[in-house]
Amino acid sequence: MNVLERWTVDFYDFHSPPPDTEALGISTFGDLHSRAIRNGARHGTPVLLSPSGRPDSRINLFFREGRMATSQPGTWRRYAYTLVVWLDFLDAIGTSWDRATVRDVEAFKDWRITDTRNAERVRASSFDTDRAGLNSFYSWASSRFGITNPVATVRADDEATTRQAYGRGRRDPLRPAGSTSRQVKWLLRDALEQWRDIGLRGYGFDGLRRAGRQTGGFNEDRDTAFVDGLYGTGLRLREWASILDIELPGSGGERMGTAWLAAKCVKGGREGRTYWIPRQVLRSVEGYLDPLEGSRAEAISRAQREGRYDRLSGVRIVTGHDPRARKLRVVTVDGPATVALDELAPDDRRLLFRRTPQGLEPLWVWLSVNGLPKKPHSWEDTFDAANRRVAETWLRKTDPGGRLGEEQREQVRRECPLWVTPHMCRHSFALKWFSILSLLEERRLEGFSPDEIEDFRDQLGDIWLQLAVLLGHRHPDTTREYYLEPFTGLQVSYLMALLDDDERSGVDTLVRIFARHGGSVVGPVVAVGASR
């Protein structure tokens, strides 16, 4: 029997060849992929294994029926890893998931957030994800198997009633005190660039490359372009990670290029939308895509030589692209077909290739070192690794002589003031555009009375509506509630300090356009930099 130390999770990958059942000594199982599909699995469905090496069929059934069966792979991954951590904790305290109590969940909360014996403590907002995942799992298990839900939480109907009566819901008893339902953190541009240079490019806090490290590694151009793109476009990680090379505009001479985000890549997957890519970001991405200088071409050449693309299952060969209709002509095992880009989910896009004289070449922009399309969720590992490098660099800066003990060193790492998550880039994008739109609104409404200003906003929309468009929200209330409420008290002079020279120059141009065409600004527009 294969005995493991902890619970583990794997995910079905129907795009790769199935395991050889003959070699594994389980030939009676037949084709494992076909068997899994008959049992309700989809591409990306999790499979959890206990330390004994055996699955618990009841746990794995959670991902194959009901609401979870139709969820996105990203949701499966979050819930699966939450369950793995929870199940390991239960093993450590000598109980099982189907006998867990409210007291066990409270102990889990303490261990995850505050117990100093846990070297992998998390922030309160991260435990909020654990709490929500466990509640969903046990709510399902309660109705499916009659197992008591140990996650003390406010029921949705109780919360709705309380809000009607008092205007706000009762606090979830398991929600950490340091957690709010909306954790908004943003970065100054200088901080993002410093984190990028240290974590991805091998620099120190002094702005110099570390001795013996002339580059940030083989993927430096890829990783910096990806981070620049998250900050510059405001897209979610999964959205920016799923783009194809044919969907990118050229850098040209305009400050902002426009691109289309396909419906199946958007959160919710209902409809696609336009988004904007700053010129600097496009140039950074073009550097990575460069066939002579970029690392992507080298990764593709290596994969072609090793035959990696030829071994993939379900590959679609793209023979044509209609950018106006946003459609591709492809060849599959069933023959030629036309497919809409809006209908291609990330897993479908990873299988799009074109034929070149050198062999197959992926359309997926972001590639791993082995040349295969980099899965969106794996970017979390890239950010985690960069945060660890930044923390180690902070430790060397704080303790140059290496005099601290290991416990003190770990504390210094944990207290490193510079760290980044992918979604912080989106928050920072929102704040940046809040500052730009605030300045523009201040300029173009000069001279209007309060009533005229109100009429103007009713007709053209306020800042929140414009930000909702930039962020891809269906309603500006979502933008106001989830992202930018903390920003409303900030002064424009502070907000302008968040922008770099190119962005301030762009704002200055926009202000001049309003002055020339809008007729609402009297006199010449002062240089934007003067407001700093």
Protein backbone atom coordinates (compact mmCIF):
# COMPACT_ATOMS: atom_id res chain seq x y z
CA MET A 1 0.00 0.00 0.00
CA ASN A 2 1.25 3.46 -0.84
CA VAL A 3 1.39 5.30 2.48
CA LEU A 4 1.63 9.10 2.38
CA GLU A 5 2.48 11.52 5.16
CA ARG A 6 -0.43 13.85 4.53
CA TRP A 7 -3.60 14.28 2.52
CA THR A 8 -2.85 15.12 -1.09
CA VAL A 9 -4.84 16.43 -4.03
CA ASP A 10 -4.45 15.94 -7.75
CA PHE A 11 -6.55 17.14 -10.66
CA TYR A 12 -7.74 15.25 -13.72
CA ASP A 13 -5.90 16.33 -16.84
CA PHE A 14 -7.79 14.94 -19.82
CA HIS A 15 -5.46 16.79 -22.19
CA SER A 16 -2.55 14.49 -21.34
CA PRO A 17 -2.34 10.77 -22.09
CA PRO A 18 -4.00 8.63 -19.37
CA PRO A 19 -1.79 6.57 -17.04
CA ASP A 20 -0.72 3.16 -18.33
CA THR A 21 -2.95 0.77 -16.38
CA GLU A 22 -0.86 -2.20 -17.51
CA ALA A 23 2.28 -0.72 -15.98
CA LEU A 24 0.38 0.13 -12.80
CA GLY A 25 -0.96 -3.43 -12.51
CA ILE A 26 -4.60 -2.34 -12.72
CA SER A 27 -5.44 -3.28 -16.28
CA THR A 28 -8.93 -4.37 -15.20
CA PHE A 29 -9.76 -0.69 -14.66
CA GLY A 30 -9.61 -0.02 -18.39
CA ASP A 31 -9.02 3.51 -19.66
CA LEU A 32 -8.79 5.65 -16.52
CA HIS A 33 -9.96 8.84 -18.22
CA SER A 34 -13.08 7.16 -19.62
CA ARG A 35 -13.79 5.62 -16.24
CA ALA A 36 -13.41 8.99 -14.51
CA ILE A 37 -15.75 10.71 -16.98
CA ARG A 38 -18.39 8.02 -16.39
CA ASN A 39 -18.07 8.75 -12.67
CA GLY A 40 -18.76 12.46 -13.17
CA ALA A 41 -15.25 13.89 -13.42
CA ARG A 42 -14.36 16.74 -15.75
CA HIS A 43 -11.05 18.17 -16.83
CA GLY A 44 -9.66 19.78 -13.67
CA THR A 45 -11.87 17.89 -11.18
CA PRO A 46 -9.94 17.31 -7.91
CA VAL A 47 -9.18 13.90 -6.42
CA LEU A 48 -8.21 13.90 -2.74
CA LEU A 49 -6.19 11.00 -1.31
CA SER A 50 -5.84 10.18 2.39
CA PRO A 51 -2.45 9.40 3.98
CA SER A 52 -3.24 5.70 3.39
CA GLY A 53 -3.18 6.42 -0.34
CA ARG A 54 -6.89 5.69 -0.70
CA PRO A 55 -9.59 8.22 -1.66
CA ASP A 56 -12.67 8.95 0.42
CA SER A 57 -15.42 8.64 -2.18
CA ARG A 58 -17.77 10.88 -0.19
CA ILE A 59 -15.31 13.80 -0.17
CA ASN A 60 -14.54 13.48 -3.88
CA LEU A 61 -18.24 13.26 -4.70
CA PHE A 62 -18.55 16.87 -3.46
CA PHE A 63 -16.82 18.08 -6.64
CA ARG A 64 -18.94 15.94 -8.99
CA GLU A 65 -22.54 16.78 -8.23
CA GLY A 66 -24.80 19.71 -7.52
CA ARG A 67 -23.55 23.27 -7.73
CA MET A 68 -19.89 22.29 -7.44
CA ALA A 69 -20.07 20.05 -10.51
CA THR A 70 -20.62 23.11 -12.70
CA SER A 71 -18.12 25.39 -10.94
CA GLN A 72 -14.95 26.68 -12.55
CA PRO A 73 -11.62 24.85 -12.07
CA GLY A 74 -10.32 27.79 -10.03
CA THR A 75 -13.12 27.28 -7.49
CA TRP A 76 -12.37 23.57 -7.34
CA ARG A 77 -8.72 24.26 -6.61
CA ARG A 78 -9.45 26.70 -3.79
CA TYR A 79 -11.93 24.39 -2.13
CA ALA A 80 -9.74 21.31 -2.63
CA TYR A 81 -6.70 22.88 -0.98
CA THR A 82 -8.87 24.19 1.86
CA LEU A 83 -10.12 20.65 2.47
CA VAL A 84 -6.58 19.20 2.36
CA VAL A 85 -5.39 21.62 5.06
CA TRP A 86 -8.51 20.94 7.16
CA LEU A 87 -8.20 17.15 6.83
CA ASP A 88 -4.52 17.25 7.82
CA PHE A 89 -5.45 19.29 10.87
CA LEU A 90 -8.14 16.79 11.86
CA ASP A 91 -5.68 13.91 11.53
CA ALA A 92 -3.28 15.79 13.80
CA ILE A 93 -5.90 16.16 16.54
CA GLY A 94 -7.16 12.61 16.13
CA THR A 95 -10.58 12.97 14.58
CA SER A 96 -12.22 12.67 11.16
CA TRP A 97 -14.13 15.07 8.97
CA ASP A 98 -17.48 13.36 9.52
CA ARG A 99 -17.14 13.65 13.33
CA ALA A 100 -15.76 17.21 13.48
CA THR A 101 -17.37 19.63 15.95
CA VAL A 102 -17.75 23.38 16.26
CA ARG A 103 -14.91 23.31 18.80
CA ASP A 104 -12.66 21.61 16.21
CA VAL A 105 -13.39 24.38 13.72
CA GLU A 106 -12.61 27.05 16.33
CA ALA A 107 -9.32 25.27 17.10
CA PHE A 108 -8.58 25.16 13.36
CA LYS A 109 -9.17 28.91 13.14
CA ASP A 110 -6.77 29.53 16.02
CA TRP A 111 -4.14 27.25 14.51
CA ARG A 112 -4.41 28.84 11.06
CA ILE A 113 -4.18 32.43 12.28
CA THR A 114 -2.51 32.76 15.69
CA ASP A 115 -0.85 29.50 16.88
CA THR A 116 2.89 30.18 16.97
CA ARG A 117 3.58 26.46 16.51
CA ASN A 118 2.23 26.78 12.97
CA ALA A 119 4.99 28.09 10.72
CA GLU A 120 2.48 28.61 7.89
CA ARG A 121 0.02 30.94 9.60
CA VAL A 122 -2.25 32.95 7.31
CA ARG A 123 -3.89 36.34 7.43
CA ALA A 124 -7.46 36.70 8.59
CA SER A 125 -8.68 37.32 5.05
CA SER A 126 -7.15 34.00 3.92
CA PHE A 127 -8.96 32.12 6.66
CA ASP A 128 -12.14 33.74 5.40
CA THR A 129 -11.68 31.63 2.27
CA ASP A 130 -11.20 28.51 4.41
CA ARG A 131 -14.37 29.27 6.34
CA ALA A 132 -16.45 29.75 3.20
CA GLY A 133 -15.09 26.58 1.60
CA LEU A 134 -15.71 24.43 4.66
CA ASN A 135 -19.21 25.81 5.07
CA SER A 136 -20.04 24.93 1.44
CA PHE A 137 -18.63 21.43 1.85
CA TYR A 138 -20.45 20.68 5.09
CA SER A 139 -23.70 22.22 3.88
CA TRP A 140 -23.57 19.76 0.98
CA ALA A 141 -22.51 16.84 3.21
CA SER A 142 -25.33 17.63 5.63
CA SER A 143 -28.00 17.31 2.94
CA ARG A 144 -26.27 14.39 1.17
CA PHE A 145 -25.19 12.21 4.11
CA GLY A 146 -26.85 13.76 7.16
CA ILE A 147 -23.50 14.88 8.61
CA THR A 148 -23.68 17.79 11.04
CA ASN A 149 -22.20 21.05 9.77
CA PRO A 150 -19.63 22.15 12.40
CA VAL A 151 -18.97 25.52 10.75
CA ALA A 152 -20.74 28.09 12.96
CA THR A 153 -22.07 30.63 10.51
CA VAL A 154 -24.97 32.99 9.92
CA ARG A 155 -27.48 31.39 7.59
CA ALA A 156 -28.29 33.35 4.43
CA ASP A 157 -31.98 33.67 5.32
CA ASP A 158 -31.19 34.91 8.84
CA GLU A 159 -28.74 37.44 7.43
CA ALA A 160 -31.26 38.75 4.90
CA THR A 161 -33.89 39.19 7.62
CA THR A 162 -31.45 41.04 9.87
CA ARG A 163 -30.41 43.39 7.09
CA GLN A 164 -34.01 44.24 6.32
CA ALA A 165 -34.62 45.09 9.96
CA TYR A 166 -31.40 46.86 10.86
CA GLY A 167 -29.66 47.71 7.59
CA ARG A 168 -26.72 45.36 8.16
CA GLY A 169 -26.16 41.69 8.76
CA ARG A 170 -25.13 39.95 11.95
CA ARG A 171 -21.45 39.17 12.07
CA ASP A 172 -20.57 35.63 11.13
CA PRO A 173 -19.33 34.11 14.43
CA LEU A 174 -16.44 32.37 12.66
CA ARG A 175 -15.31 35.39 10.65
CA PRO A 176 -11.97 36.55 12.09
CA ALA A 177 -12.01 39.89 13.85
CA GLY A 178 -9.26 41.14 11.56
CA SER A 179 -11.19 40.19 8.47
CA THR A 180 -13.72 42.16 6.53
CA SER A 181 -15.73 40.91 3.61
CA ARG A 182 -13.70 43.25 1.41
CA GLN A 183 -9.94 43.33 1.94
CA VAL A 184 -8.59 46.12 -0.26
CA LYS A 185 -4.83 46.53 -0.48
CA TRP A 186 -3.02 48.54 -3.10
CA LEU A 187 0.51 49.36 -4.12
CA LEU A 188 2.29 52.52 -5.05
CA ARG A 189 3.95 52.10 -8.43
CA ASP A 190 7.41 52.48 -6.87
CA ALA A 191 6.62 49.66 -4.44
CA LEU A 192 5.44 47.37 -7.23
CA GLU A 193 8.56 48.05 -9.27
CA GLN A 194 10.79 47.44 -6.25
CA TRP A 195 9.01 44.14 -5.51
CA ARG A 196 9.28 43.13 -9.16
CA ASP A 197 13.00 43.95 -9.34
CA ILE A 198 13.84 42.12 -6.11
CA GLY A 199 11.49 39.17 -6.40
CA LEU A 200 11.68 38.53 -10.14
CA ARG A 201 14.91 40.10 -11.33
CA GLY A 202 17.40 39.41 -8.55
CA TYR A 203 18.01 42.95 -7.30
CA GLY A 204 18.55 44.05 -3.72
CA PHE A 205 16.88 46.82 -1.71
CA ASP A 206 19.82 49.01 -2.72
CA GLY A 207 18.69 48.83 -6.36
CA LEU A 208 21.68 46.72 -7.46
CA ARG A 209 21.74 43.17 -8.71
CA ARG A 210 22.98 40.67 -6.18
CA ALA A 211 26.54 39.46 -6.65
CA GLY A 212 26.69 36.34 -8.79
CA ARG A 213 23.23 36.89 -10.24
CA GLN A 214 23.47 38.78 -13.48
CA THR A 215 19.86 38.14 -14.47
CA GLY A 216 16.64 37.27 -12.73
CA GLY A 217 16.59 33.84 -14.39
CA PHE A 218 15.37 32.35 -17.65
CA ASN A 219 11.81 33.61 -17.13
CA GLU A 220 12.66 37.17 -16.10
CA ASP A 221 11.16 38.78 -19.20
CA ARG A 222 8.03 36.62 -18.98
CA ASP A 223 7.39 37.23 -15.28
CA THR A 224 8.02 40.97 -15.38
CA ALA A 225 5.77 41.35 -18.44
CA PHE A 226 3.03 39.38 -16.73
CA VAL A 227 3.17 41.46 -13.54
CA ASP A 228 3.32 44.70 -15.52
CA GLY A 229 0.24 43.53 -17.41
CA LEU A 230 -1.76 42.72 -14.29
CA TYR A 231 -1.05 46.18 -12.91
CA GLY A 232 -1.52 47.96 -16.24
CA THR A 233 -4.75 46.28 -17.40
CA GLY A 234 -6.55 45.61 -14.13
CA LEU A 235 -7.49 42.14 -15.35
CA ARG A 236 -7.92 39.25 -12.94
CA LEU A 237 -5.11 36.71 -12.89
CA ARG A 238 -7.08 34.05 -14.80
CA GLU A 239 -8.10 36.58 -17.43
CA TRP A 240 -4.62 37.95 -18.17
CA ALA A 241 -3.11 34.46 -17.96
CA SER A 242 -5.44 33.11 -20.69
CA ILE A 243 -4.77 35.50 -23.58
CA LEU A 244 -3.61 34.34 -27.01
CA ASP A 245 -0.92 36.05 -29.06
CA ILE A 246 -3.44 36.83 -31.83
CA GLU A 247 -5.55 38.81 -29.33
CA LEU A 248 -2.84 41.35 -28.52
CA PRO A 249 -2.72 44.70 -30.34
CA GLY A 250 0.55 46.16 -31.53
CA SER A 251 2.29 48.72 -29.30
CA GLY A 252 2.13 51.39 -32.05
CA GLY A 253 2.25 55.04 -31.04
CA GLU A 254 -0.87 55.26 -28.88
CA ARG A 255 -0.62 55.29 -25.11
CA MET A 256 -3.37 52.68 -24.74
CA GLY A 257 -4.09 49.73 -27.01
CA THR A 258 -7.50 48.06 -26.99
CA ALA A 259 -8.11 44.33 -26.83
CA TRP A 260 -11.04 41.98 -26.40
CA LEU A 261 -11.37 39.71 -23.37
CA ALA A 262 -13.23 36.56 -24.43
CA ALA A 263 -16.43 35.67 -22.59
CA LYS A 264 -15.22 32.27 -21.36
CA CYS A 265 -12.17 33.91 -19.78
CA VAL A 266 -14.18 36.52 -17.87
CA LYS A 267 -15.28 35.81 -14.32
CA GLY A 268 -18.82 34.49 -14.65
CA GLY A 269 -18.29 33.78 -18.36
CA ARG A 270 -21.42 35.60 -19.53
CA GLU A 271 -20.06 38.00 -22.12
CA GLY A 272 -16.75 39.36 -23.31
CA ARG A 273 -15.58 42.94 -22.98
CA THR A 274 -13.05 45.45 -24.19
CA TYR A 275 -10.03 46.23 -22.03
CA TRP A 276 -7.08 48.57 -22.45
CA ILE A 277 -3.37 47.80 -22.43
CA PRO A 278 -0.83 50.59 -21.77
CA ARG A 279 1.86 51.03 -24.40
CA GLN A 280 4.61 50.20 -21.90
CA VAL A 281 2.92 46.89 -21.06
CA LEU A 282 2.60 45.98 -24.74
CA ARG A 283 6.28 46.69 -25.28
CA SER A 284 7.15 44.52 -22.29
CA VAL A 285 5.04 41.66 -23.64
CA GLU A 286 6.48 42.11 -27.13
CA GLY A 287 9.96 41.77 -25.62
CA TYR A 288 8.99 38.41 -24.18
CA LEU A 289 7.41 37.36 -27.51
CA ASP A 290 10.39 38.52 -29.57
CA PRO A 291 11.49 35.57 -31.77
CA LEU A 292 15.18 36.43 -31.37
CA GLU A 293 15.57 37.97 -27.92
CA GLY A 294 12.59 36.71 -25.91
CA SER A 295 12.66 33.63 -23.68
CA ARG A 296 9.38 32.35 -25.14
CA ALA A 297 10.94 31.45 -28.48
CA GLU A 298 13.68 29.48 -26.76
CA ALA A 299 11.11 27.57 -24.68
CA ILE A 300 9.14 26.73 -27.84
CA SER A 301 12.25 25.53 -29.69
CA ARG A 302 13.22 23.26 -26.82
CA ALA A 303 9.70 21.79 -26.61
CA GLN A 304 9.67 21.19 -30.37
CA ARG A 305 13.01 19.38 -30.25
CA GLU A 306 11.80 17.17 -27.41
CA GLY A 307 8.46 16.45 -29.09
CA ARG A 308 6.38 17.77 -26.18
CA TYR A 309 3.65 19.27 -28.34
CA ASP A 310 3.23 16.10 -30.38
CA ARG A 311 2.36 14.12 -27.25
CA LEU A 312 -0.52 16.40 -26.19
CA SER A 313 -4.08 15.09 -26.46
CA GLY A 314 -6.91 17.07 -28.04
CA VAL A 315 -4.71 19.60 -29.87
CA ARG A 316 -6.50 21.92 -32.32
CA ILE A 317 -4.47 23.23 -35.23
CA VAL A 318 -5.39 26.84 -36.08
CA THR A 319 -5.35 27.50 -39.81
CA GLY A 320 -6.96 30.95 -39.90
CA HIS A 321 -8.13 33.89 -37.82
CA ASP A 322 -10.93 36.38 -38.51
CA PRO A 323 -10.24 39.27 -36.08
CA ARG A 324 -13.43 41.15 -36.93
CA ALA A 325 -15.72 38.21 -36.24
CA ARG A 326 -13.37 36.96 -33.51
CA LYS A 327 -13.37 33.44 -34.93
CA LEU A 328 -10.76 30.80 -35.64
CA ARG A 329 -10.57 28.16 -38.31
CA VAL A 330 -9.25 24.98 -36.76
CA VAL A 331 -8.53 21.38 -37.66
CA THR A 332 -9.41 18.69 -35.12
CA VAL A 333 -9.55 14.90 -35.23
CA ASP A 334 -13.09 15.33 -36.58
CA GLY A 335 -12.02 17.63 -39.41
CA PRO A 336 -12.03 21.41 -40.06
CA ALA A 337 -14.31 23.69 -38.05
CA THR A 338 -14.90 27.32 -37.13
CA VAL A 339 -14.94 28.30 -33.47
CA ALA A 340 -15.64 31.62 -31.75
CA LEU A 341 -12.89 32.94 -29.50
CA ASP A 342 -15.57 33.94 -26.99
CA GLU A 343 -16.51 30.27 -26.58
CA LEU A 344 -13.00 29.05 -25.80
CA ALA A 345 -12.33 28.61 -22.07
CA PRO A 346 -8.74 28.69 -20.77
CA ASP A 347 -8.36 24.90 -20.93
CA ASP A 348 -9.50 24.96 -24.58
CA ARG A 349 -7.11 27.78 -25.40
CA ARG A 350 -4.12 25.87 -24.06
CA LEU A 351 -4.67 23.32 -26.85
CA LEU A 352 -4.57 25.84 -29.73
CA PHE A 353 -1.46 25.48 -31.90
CA ARG A 354 -0.31 26.59 -35.35
CA ARG A 355 1.99 24.69 -37.68
CA THR A 356 5.31 26.31 -38.52
CA PRO A 357 8.34 25.01 -40.49
CA GLN A 358 9.91 24.17 -37.12
CA GLY A 359 6.85 22.31 -35.80
CA LEU A 360 3.81 23.08 -33.66
CA GLU A 361 3.72 26.42 -31.82
CA PRO A 362 1.20 27.43 -29.12
CA LEU A 363 -1.02 30.50 -29.45
CA TRP A 364 -1.14 30.75 -25.64
CA VAL A 365 1.10 33.66 -24.68
CA TRP A 366 2.50 32.59 -21.32
CA LEU A 367 4.62 29.43 -21.43
CA SER A 368 6.42 27.41 -18.78
CA VAL A 369 10.13 26.64 -19.04
CA ASN A 370 9.27 23.35 -20.74
CA GLY A 371 7.40 25.24 -23.47
CA LEU A 372 3.93 24.05 -22.44
CA PRO A 373 1.21 26.65 -21.76
CA LYS A 374 1.51 27.86 -18.17
CA LYS A 375 -1.69 27.14 -16.25
CA PRO A 376 -3.31 30.24 -14.75
CA HIS A 377 -3.28 28.95 -11.17
CA SER A 378 0.47 28.28 -11.36
CA TRP A 379 1.09 32.05 -11.38
CA GLU A 380 0.21 31.97 -7.68
CA ASP A 381 3.38 29.90 -7.20
CA THR A 382 5.37 32.54 -9.11
CA PHE A 383 4.11 35.26 -6.77
CA ASP A 384 4.75 33.10 -3.70
CA ALA A 385 8.32 32.40 -4.80
CA ALA A 386 8.93 36.10 -5.48
CA ASN A 387 7.54 37.02 -2.04
CA ARG A 388 9.93 34.52 -0.44
CA ARG A 389 12.88 36.03 -2.31
CA VAL A 390 11.87 39.52 -1.22
CA ALA A 391 11.56 38.33 2.38
CA GLU A 392 15.02 36.71 2.23
CA THR A 393 16.49 39.90 0.79
CA TRP A 394 14.80 41.87 3.57
CA LEU A 395 16.36 39.51 6.10
CA ARG A 396 19.84 40.06 4.65
CA LYS A 397 19.27 43.80 4.79
CA THR A 398 17.95 43.66 8.37
CA ASP A 399 20.51 41.17 9.69
CA PRO A 400 23.62 41.59 7.51
CA GLY A 401 25.85 39.81 10.01
CA GLY A 402 23.61 36.78 10.40
CA ARG A 403 23.48 37.15 14.19
CA LEU A 404 19.78 36.39 14.68
CA GLY A 405 18.54 32.95 15.68
CA GLU A 406 16.32 30.97 13.35
CA GLU A 407 13.12 31.90 15.17
CA GLN A 408 14.01 35.58 15.00
CA ARG A 409 14.97 35.22 11.34
CA GLU A 410 11.60 33.70 10.56
CA GLN A 411 9.88 36.55 12.36
CA VAL A 412 11.83 39.09 10.29
CA ARG A 413 10.76 37.30 7.11
CA ARG A 414 7.13 37.36 8.17
CA GLU A 415 7.32 41.07 8.96
CA CYS A 416 8.79 42.04 5.59
CA PRO A 417 6.88 45.19 4.60
CA LEU A 418 7.01 44.46 0.86
CA TRP A 419 4.79 41.73 -0.56
CA VAL A 420 2.38 41.40 -3.46
CA THR A 421 -0.55 39.19 -4.45
CA PRO A 422 -2.02 39.10 -7.96
CA HIS A 423 -5.26 40.75 -6.87
CA MET A 424 -3.37 43.63 -5.26
CA CYS A 425 -2.35 44.58 -8.80
CA ARG A 426 -6.03 44.86 -9.72
CA HIS A 427 -6.76 46.95 -6.63
CA SER A 428 -3.83 49.19 -7.52
CA PHE A 429 -5.11 49.58 -11.07
CA ALA A 430 -8.46 50.66 -9.61
CA LEU A 431 -6.83 53.25 -7.35
CA LYS A 432 -4.69 54.58 -10.18
CA TRP A 433 -7.71 55.16 -12.38
CA PHE A 434 -9.66 56.59 -9.47
CA SER A 435 -6.92 59.21 -9.20
CA ILE A 436 -6.96 59.94 -12.93
CA LEU A 437 -10.74 60.21 -13.13
CA SER A 438 -10.88 62.29 -9.94
CA LEU A 439 -8.50 64.83 -11.43
CA LEU A 440 -10.37 64.94 -14.72
CA GLU A 441 -13.70 65.40 -13.00
CA GLU A 442 -12.28 68.15 -10.81
CA ARG A 443 -11.00 69.98 -13.90
CA ARG A 444 -14.01 69.58 -16.16
CA LEU A 445 -16.55 70.55 -13.49
CA GLU A 446 -14.85 73.79 -12.52
CA GLY A 447 -17.35 76.63 -12.76
CA PHE A 448 -20.48 74.47 -12.57
CA SER A 449 -23.07 74.91 -9.82
CA PRO A 450 -23.93 71.90 -7.57
CA ASP A 451 -27.18 71.35 -9.48
CA GLU A 452 -25.38 71.45 -12.83
CA ILE A 453 -22.78 69.01 -11.54
CA GLU A 454 -25.53 66.60 -10.49
CA ASP A 455 -27.17 66.88 -13.91
CA PHE A 456 -23.82 66.29 -15.57
CA ARG A 457 -23.25 63.09 -13.58
CA ASP A 458 -26.76 61.87 -14.27
CA GLN A 459 -26.19 62.24 -18.00
CA LEU A 460 -22.59 61.06 -18.35
CA GLY A 461 -22.10 58.92 -15.25
CA ASP A 462 -19.85 59.48 -12.26
CA ILE A 463 -16.40 58.10 -11.49
CA TRP A 464 -17.82 54.82 -10.23
CA LEU A 465 -19.56 54.10 -13.53
CA GLN A 466 -16.39 54.76 -15.50
CA LEU A 467 -14.36 52.59 -13.15
CA ALA A 468 -16.93 49.80 -13.45
CA VAL A 469 -16.30 49.81 -17.21
CA LEU A 470 -12.53 49.65 -16.71
CA LEU A 471 -12.80 46.81 -14.19
CA GLY A 472 -15.44 44.87 -16.08
CA HIS A 473 -18.09 45.12 -13.36
CA ARG A 474 -21.73 44.90 -14.40
CA HIS A 475 -22.82 47.61 -11.99
CA PRO A 476 -20.92 50.55 -10.45
CA ASP A 477 -22.23 49.59 -7.03
CA THR A 478 -19.99 46.53 -7.20
CA THR A 479 -16.99 48.76 -7.82
CA ARG A 480 -17.92 51.14 -5.03
CA GLU A 481 -18.64 48.39 -2.50
CA TYR A 482 -15.86 45.92 -3.18
CA TYR A 483 -12.92 48.04 -4.26
CA LEU A 484 -12.83 51.74 -3.79
CA GLU A 485 -14.76 52.86 -0.74
CA PRO A 486 -11.48 53.40 1.20
CA PHE A 487 -10.24 55.74 -1.55
CA THR A 488 -13.00 58.32 -1.40
CA GLY A 489 -11.38 60.44 1.29
CA LEU A 490 -8.03 60.72 -0.46
CA GLN A 491 -6.95 64.07 -1.84
CA VAL A 492 -6.26 64.47 -5.54
CA SER A 493 -2.76 65.74 -4.74
CA TYR A 494 -2.01 62.43 -3.01
CA LEU A 495 -3.63 60.43 -5.78
CA MET A 496 -1.52 62.13 -8.43
CA ALA A 497 1.60 61.05 -6.56
CA LEU A 498 0.65 57.47 -7.45
CA LEU A 499 1.17 58.06 -11.17
CA ASP A 500 4.38 57.88 -13.12
CA ASP A 501 5.54 60.59 -15.53
CA ASP A 502 3.96 58.96 -18.58
CA GLU A 503 0.60 58.63 -16.82
CA ARG A 504 0.68 62.22 -15.57
CA SER A 505 1.48 63.32 -19.11
CA GLY A 506 -1.53 61.36 -20.34
CA VAL A 507 -3.79 62.98 -17.76
CA ASP A 508 -2.49 66.39 -18.78
CA THR A 509 -3.40 65.63 -22.40
CA LEU A 510 -6.90 64.53 -21.42
CA VAL A 511 -7.42 67.66 -19.35
CA ARG A 512 -6.41 69.82 -22.32
CA ILE A 513 -8.89 67.95 -24.52
CA PHE A 514 -11.67 68.66 -22.03
CA ALA A 515 -10.65 72.31 -21.92
CA ARG A 516 -10.68 72.58 -25.71
CA HIS A 517 -13.86 70.63 -26.47
CA GLY A 518 -15.91 70.60 -23.30
CA GLY A 519 -16.13 74.34 -22.72
CA SER A 520 -16.41 73.82 -18.96
CA VAL A 521 -12.85 74.69 -17.99
CA VAL A 522 -11.93 78.37 -18.00
CA GLY A 523 -8.35 79.40 -18.79
CA PRO A 524 -5.24 77.33 -19.51
CA VAL A 525 -4.68 74.02 -17.78
CA VAL A 526 -1.76 74.06 -15.37
CA ALA A 527 0.84 71.32 -15.59
CA VAL A 528 -0.38 68.27 -13.74
CA GLY A 529 2.95 67.83 -12.02
CA ALA A 530 2.38 71.13 -10.21
CA SER A 531 -0.29 69.52 -8.05
CA ARG A 532 2.19 67.22 -6.39
